[in-house]
Amino acid sequence: MSASPKSQTLLTAEEFWELPEPSHGGRTELVEGRVVEEMPVGERHAALAAELAAALLDFVKPRKLGRVHIELGHRLFADPDTVRAPDVSFMAAGRLGPTVGDRYVEGAPTLA
């Protein structure tokens, strides 16, 4: 039996990171400490996201403007934590860390 939303334990972004991938193939986001499931997207949505990412990457990369990401988790708020993962996002070069990490990035993307 699942817990009701009011009694659900709030998770931090670090705890959320450790959760397994959803078995149904969708994805999850963390909203004010609560896990929110999203179903897999349809073909049109996926194709449009790929086209957008490709067009952005073709513009951004040769100009060294930053990085284009697909479904990168952004910690938008803390205590309780909110982690959102837009289909496509762009982070300006001035906002990037020196290396590419394996965790969520802090703050909203420059463009989503």
N, C-alpha and C. Protein backbone atom coordinates (compact mmCIF):
# COMPACT_ATOMS: atom_id res chain seq x y z
N MET A 1 0.85 -1.17 0.00
CA MET A 1 0.00 0.00 0.00
C MET A 1 0.90 1.24 0.00
N SER A 2 0.60 2.21 -0.87
CA SER A 2 1.43 3.41 -0.93
C SER A 2 0.95 4.45 0.07
N ALA A 3 1.88 5.29 0.46
CA ALA A 3 1.56 6.33 1.44
C ALA A 3 0.76 7.43 0.77
N SER A 4 -0.09 8.09 1.53
CA SER A 4 -0.82 9.22 0.99
C SER A 4 0.14 10.38 0.82
N PRO A 5 -0.16 11.32 -0.10
CA PRO A 5 0.75 12.44 -0.33
C PRO A 5 1.11 13.22 0.93
N LYS A 6 0.18 13.34 1.88
CA LYS A 6 0.46 14.11 3.08
C LYS A 6 1.44 13.39 4.01
N SER A 7 1.43 12.04 3.98
CA SER A 7 2.32 11.32 4.87
C SER A 7 3.60 10.85 4.18
N GLN A 8 3.74 11.11 2.88
CA GLN A 8 4.91 10.68 2.14
C GLN A 8 6.16 11.38 2.67
N THR A 9 7.23 10.60 2.86
CA THR A 9 8.50 11.16 3.31
C THR A 9 9.08 12.03 2.21
N LEU A 10 9.54 13.22 2.57
CA LEU A 10 10.15 14.11 1.60
C LEU A 10 11.58 13.65 1.35
N LEU A 11 11.98 13.64 0.08
CA LEU A 11 13.33 13.24 -0.30
C LEU A 11 14.17 14.45 -0.63
N THR A 12 15.47 14.31 -0.44
CA THR A 12 16.43 15.31 -0.92
C THR A 12 16.82 14.93 -2.35
N ALA A 13 17.47 15.84 -3.05
CA ALA A 13 17.95 15.55 -4.40
C ALA A 13 18.92 14.37 -4.37
N GLU A 14 19.75 14.29 -3.34
CA GLU A 14 20.71 13.19 -3.23
C GLU A 14 20.00 11.85 -3.06
N GLU A 15 18.95 11.80 -2.25
CA GLU A 15 18.18 10.57 -2.07
C GLU A 15 17.43 10.21 -3.36
N PHE A 16 16.92 11.21 -4.03
CA PHE A 16 16.21 11.01 -5.29
C PHE A 16 17.14 10.41 -6.34
N TRP A 17 18.40 10.88 -6.37
CA TRP A 17 19.39 10.39 -7.32
C TRP A 17 19.59 8.88 -7.18
N GLU A 18 19.49 8.37 -5.97
CA GLU A 18 19.75 6.95 -5.69
C GLU A 18 18.59 6.03 -6.03
N LEU A 19 17.42 6.58 -6.35
CA LEU A 19 16.26 5.74 -6.68
C LEU A 19 16.48 5.00 -8.00
N PRO A 20 15.91 3.81 -8.14
CA PRO A 20 16.02 3.09 -9.42
C PRO A 20 15.17 3.75 -10.50
N GLU A 21 15.53 3.45 -11.74
CA GLU A 21 14.74 3.93 -12.88
C GLU A 21 13.34 3.34 -12.81
N PRO A 22 12.30 4.05 -13.25
CA PRO A 22 10.95 3.49 -13.24
C PRO A 22 10.86 2.26 -14.14
N SER A 23 10.18 1.24 -13.69
CA SER A 23 10.06 0.00 -14.47
C SER A 23 9.21 0.18 -15.72
N HIS A 24 8.33 1.17 -15.74
CA HIS A 24 7.45 1.37 -16.89
C HIS A 24 8.10 2.15 -18.02
N GLY A 25 9.34 2.60 -17.83
CA GLY A 25 10.05 3.29 -18.90
C GLY A 25 9.85 4.79 -18.92
N GLY A 26 9.05 5.33 -18.05
CA GLY A 26 8.88 6.78 -17.97
C GLY A 26 10.02 7.41 -17.22
N ARG A 27 9.82 8.58 -16.73
CA ARG A 27 10.84 9.22 -15.92
C ARG A 27 10.17 9.86 -14.72
N THR A 28 10.99 10.25 -13.77
CA THR A 28 10.47 10.88 -12.56
C THR A 28 11.17 12.21 -12.35
N GLU A 29 10.50 13.09 -11.64
CA GLU A 29 11.07 14.36 -11.21
C GLU A 29 10.76 14.50 -9.73
N LEU A 30 11.47 15.38 -9.06
CA LEU A 30 11.25 15.64 -7.64
C LEU A 30 10.65 17.03 -7.51
N VAL A 31 9.48 17.10 -6.91
CA VAL A 31 8.78 18.37 -6.76
C VAL A 31 8.50 18.58 -5.28
N GLU A 32 9.16 19.57 -4.71
CA GLU A 32 9.02 19.88 -3.28
C GLU A 32 9.21 18.63 -2.44
N GLY A 33 10.22 17.82 -2.80
CA GLY A 33 10.56 16.65 -2.02
C GLY A 33 9.76 15.40 -2.35
N ARG A 34 8.78 15.50 -3.23
CA ARG A 34 7.94 14.35 -3.58
C ARG A 34 8.22 13.89 -5.00
N VAL A 35 8.27 12.58 -5.19
CA VAL A 35 8.52 11.99 -6.50
C VAL A 35 7.26 12.09 -7.36
N VAL A 36 7.42 12.61 -8.56
CA VAL A 36 6.33 12.72 -9.52
C VAL A 36 6.71 11.90 -10.74
N GLU A 37 5.88 10.93 -11.10
CA GLU A 37 6.14 10.08 -12.25
C GLU A 37 5.54 10.67 -13.51
N GLU A 38 6.28 10.52 -14.61
CA GLU A 38 5.79 10.93 -15.92
C GLU A 38 5.86 9.72 -16.84
N MET A 39 4.84 9.52 -17.63
CA MET A 39 4.81 8.40 -18.56
C MET A 39 5.75 8.70 -19.74
N PRO A 40 6.17 7.66 -20.45
CA PRO A 40 7.00 7.88 -21.63
C PRO A 40 6.27 8.77 -22.63
N VAL A 41 7.03 9.53 -23.40
CA VAL A 41 6.45 10.43 -24.39
C VAL A 41 6.15 9.68 -25.67
N GLY A 42 5.33 10.28 -26.51
CA GLY A 42 4.99 9.70 -27.80
C GLY A 42 6.03 10.05 -28.86
N GLU A 43 5.85 9.46 -30.02
CA GLU A 43 6.82 9.61 -31.11
C GLU A 43 6.98 11.06 -31.55
N ARG A 44 5.88 11.80 -31.71
CA ARG A 44 5.97 13.19 -32.16
C ARG A 44 6.78 14.03 -31.16
N HIS A 45 6.48 13.87 -29.89
CA HIS A 45 7.19 14.61 -28.84
C HIS A 45 8.69 14.30 -28.90
N ALA A 46 9.03 13.01 -28.98
CA ALA A 46 10.43 12.60 -29.01
C ALA A 46 11.15 13.14 -30.24
N ALA A 47 10.48 13.09 -31.40
CA ALA A 47 11.09 13.58 -32.64
C ALA A 47 11.33 15.08 -32.58
N LEU A 48 10.36 15.83 -32.05
CA LEU A 48 10.52 17.28 -31.94
C LEU A 48 11.63 17.65 -30.96
N ALA A 49 11.72 16.94 -29.85
CA ALA A 49 12.80 17.20 -28.88
C ALA A 49 14.16 16.92 -29.51
N ALA A 50 14.27 15.85 -30.29
CA ALA A 50 15.54 15.53 -30.96
C ALA A 50 15.91 16.60 -31.98
N GLU A 51 14.94 17.07 -32.75
CA GLU A 51 15.20 18.12 -33.74
C GLU A 51 15.65 19.41 -33.05
N LEU A 52 14.99 19.76 -31.96
CA LEU A 52 15.36 20.97 -31.22
C LEU A 52 16.77 20.85 -30.65
N ALA A 53 17.08 19.71 -30.05
CA ALA A 53 18.41 19.51 -29.48
C ALA A 53 19.47 19.58 -30.57
N ALA A 54 19.22 18.96 -31.72
CA ALA A 54 20.19 18.97 -32.82
C ALA A 54 20.42 20.39 -33.34
N ALA A 55 19.34 21.15 -33.52
CA ALA A 55 19.47 22.52 -34.01
C ALA A 55 20.23 23.40 -33.02
N LEU A 56 19.89 23.27 -31.73
CA LEU A 56 20.61 24.04 -30.71
C LEU A 56 22.09 23.67 -30.67
N LEU A 57 22.38 22.38 -30.72
CA LEU A 57 23.76 21.92 -30.67
C LEU A 57 24.55 22.43 -31.88
N ASP A 58 23.94 22.41 -33.06
CA ASP A 58 24.60 22.93 -34.26
C ASP A 58 24.95 24.41 -34.14
N PHE A 59 24.16 25.17 -33.39
CA PHE A 59 24.43 26.59 -33.18
C PHE A 59 25.41 26.82 -32.03
N VAL A 60 25.23 26.12 -30.94
CA VAL A 60 25.98 26.36 -29.70
C VAL A 60 27.43 25.86 -29.77
N LYS A 61 27.61 24.63 -30.26
CA LYS A 61 28.93 23.99 -30.18
C LYS A 61 30.02 24.73 -30.96
N PRO A 62 29.83 25.09 -32.23
CA PRO A 62 30.92 25.77 -32.95
C PRO A 62 31.26 27.16 -32.38
N ARG A 63 30.32 27.75 -31.69
CA ARG A 63 30.54 29.08 -31.11
C ARG A 63 31.02 29.00 -29.66
N LYS A 64 31.10 27.79 -29.13
CA LYS A 64 31.52 27.54 -27.74
C LYS A 64 30.71 28.36 -26.75
N LEU A 65 29.39 28.35 -26.94
CA LEU A 65 28.48 29.14 -26.11
C LEU A 65 28.08 28.45 -24.81
N GLY A 66 28.28 27.14 -24.74
CA GLY A 66 27.88 26.38 -23.56
C GLY A 66 27.60 24.95 -23.95
N ARG A 67 26.65 24.32 -23.26
CA ARG A 67 26.30 22.92 -23.52
C ARG A 67 24.80 22.76 -23.69
N VAL A 68 24.43 21.85 -24.58
CA VAL A 68 23.04 21.46 -24.79
C VAL A 68 22.87 20.10 -24.12
N HIS A 69 21.78 19.94 -23.38
CA HIS A 69 21.53 18.70 -22.65
C HIS A 69 20.14 18.16 -22.99
N ILE A 70 20.00 16.85 -22.83
CA ILE A 70 18.70 16.19 -22.96
C ILE A 70 18.37 15.59 -21.60
N GLU A 71 17.24 15.99 -21.04
CA GLU A 71 16.71 15.46 -19.78
C GLU A 71 17.69 15.58 -18.61
N LEU A 72 18.49 16.62 -18.59
CA LEU A 72 19.40 16.86 -17.46
C LEU A 72 18.60 17.36 -16.26
N GLY A 73 18.86 16.79 -15.10
CA GLY A 73 18.19 17.21 -13.87
C GLY A 73 18.78 18.51 -13.35
N HIS A 74 17.91 19.46 -13.06
CA HIS A 74 18.29 20.76 -12.50
C HIS A 74 17.65 20.89 -11.12
N ARG A 75 18.48 21.07 -10.09
CA ARG A 75 17.91 21.31 -8.76
C ARG A 75 17.53 22.79 -8.72
N LEU A 76 16.23 23.03 -8.68
CA LEU A 76 15.72 24.40 -8.74
C LEU A 76 15.52 25.01 -7.36
N PHE A 77 15.15 24.18 -6.40
CA PHE A 77 14.90 24.64 -5.04
C PHE A 77 15.44 23.62 -4.05
N ALA A 78 15.72 24.07 -2.84
CA ALA A 78 16.18 23.16 -1.79
C ALA A 78 15.30 23.32 -0.55
N ASP A 79 15.16 22.22 0.18
CA ASP A 79 14.52 22.18 1.48
C ASP A 79 13.08 22.69 1.48
N PRO A 80 12.14 22.00 0.85
CA PRO A 80 12.28 20.72 0.18
C PRO A 80 12.81 20.89 -1.24
N ASP A 81 13.54 19.86 -1.69
CA ASP A 81 14.20 19.91 -2.98
C ASP A 81 13.22 19.72 -4.14
N THR A 82 13.52 20.42 -5.23
CA THR A 82 12.81 20.24 -6.49
C THR A 82 13.85 20.03 -7.58
N VAL A 83 13.73 18.91 -8.29
CA VAL A 83 14.61 18.60 -9.41
C VAL A 83 13.73 18.38 -10.63
N ARG A 84 13.92 19.21 -11.63
CA ARG A 84 13.17 19.10 -12.89
C ARG A 84 14.14 18.77 -14.01
N ALA A 85 13.65 18.06 -15.03
CA ALA A 85 14.48 17.64 -16.15
C ALA A 85 13.78 17.97 -17.46
N PRO A 86 14.03 19.15 -18.00
CA PRO A 86 13.38 19.50 -19.28
C PRO A 86 13.86 18.57 -20.39
N ASP A 87 13.04 18.39 -21.40
CA ASP A 87 13.40 17.54 -22.53
C ASP A 87 14.73 18.00 -23.14
N VAL A 88 14.87 19.30 -23.35
CA VAL A 88 16.08 19.89 -23.92
C VAL A 88 16.41 21.14 -23.12
N SER A 89 17.68 21.30 -22.78
CA SER A 89 18.09 22.52 -22.08
C SER A 89 19.45 22.98 -22.56
N PHE A 90 19.74 24.24 -22.31
CA PHE A 90 21.02 24.86 -22.67
C PHE A 90 21.55 25.56 -21.44
N MET A 91 22.84 25.34 -21.17
CA MET A 91 23.53 26.05 -20.09
C MET A 91 24.63 26.89 -20.73
N ALA A 92 24.58 28.20 -20.49
CA ALA A 92 25.59 29.11 -21.03
C ALA A 92 26.96 28.78 -20.45
N ALA A 93 28.00 29.00 -21.23
CA ALA A 93 29.38 28.65 -20.84
C ALA A 93 29.76 29.22 -19.49
N GLY A 94 29.38 30.44 -19.20
CA GLY A 94 29.73 31.09 -17.94
C GLY A 94 29.11 30.44 -16.71
N ARG A 95 28.13 29.58 -16.90
CA ARG A 95 27.45 28.92 -15.78
C ARG A 95 27.88 27.48 -15.59
N LEU A 96 28.79 27.00 -16.44
CA LEU A 96 29.21 25.61 -16.38
C LEU A 96 30.37 25.41 -15.44
N GLY A 97 30.42 24.24 -14.81
CA GLY A 97 31.55 23.86 -13.99
C GLY A 97 32.72 23.46 -14.90
N PRO A 98 33.90 23.25 -14.31
CA PRO A 98 35.07 22.92 -15.11
C PRO A 98 35.00 21.52 -15.74
N THR A 99 34.20 20.62 -15.16
CA THR A 99 34.07 19.27 -15.70
C THR A 99 32.60 18.90 -15.77
N VAL A 100 32.31 17.88 -16.56
CA VAL A 100 30.95 17.35 -16.66
C VAL A 100 30.78 16.34 -15.53
N GLY A 101 29.80 16.56 -14.67
CA GLY A 101 29.58 15.68 -13.53
C GLY A 101 28.55 14.61 -13.80
N ASP A 102 28.33 13.77 -12.80
CA ASP A 102 27.35 12.70 -12.91
C ASP A 102 26.09 12.98 -12.09
N ARG A 103 25.96 14.14 -11.54
CA ARG A 103 24.80 14.47 -10.71
C ARG A 103 23.99 15.58 -11.35
N TYR A 104 22.97 16.02 -10.64
CA TYR A 104 22.16 17.14 -11.11
C TYR A 104 22.98 18.42 -11.04
N VAL A 105 22.59 19.40 -11.83
CA VAL A 105 23.24 20.71 -11.74
C VAL A 105 22.38 21.60 -10.86
N GLU A 106 23.04 22.56 -10.23
CA GLU A 106 22.34 23.50 -9.37
C GLU A 106 21.79 24.64 -10.20
N GLY A 107 20.54 24.96 -10.02
CA GLY A 107 19.92 26.10 -10.66
C GLY A 107 19.26 25.76 -11.99
N ALA A 108 18.48 26.72 -12.44
CA ALA A 108 17.73 26.56 -13.69
C ALA A 108 18.66 26.66 -14.89
N PRO A 109 18.28 26.02 -16.00
CA PRO A 109 19.07 26.17 -17.21
C PRO A 109 18.92 27.59 -17.76
N THR A 110 19.85 27.96 -18.62
CA THR A 110 19.74 29.25 -19.30
C THR A 110 18.52 29.26 -20.22
N LEU A 111 18.27 28.11 -20.85
CA LEU A 111 17.13 27.95 -21.75
C LEU A 111 16.59 26.54 -21.59
N ALA A 112 15.27 26.40 -21.53
CA ALA A 112 14.66 25.06 -21.47
C ALA A 112 13.47 25.02 -22.41
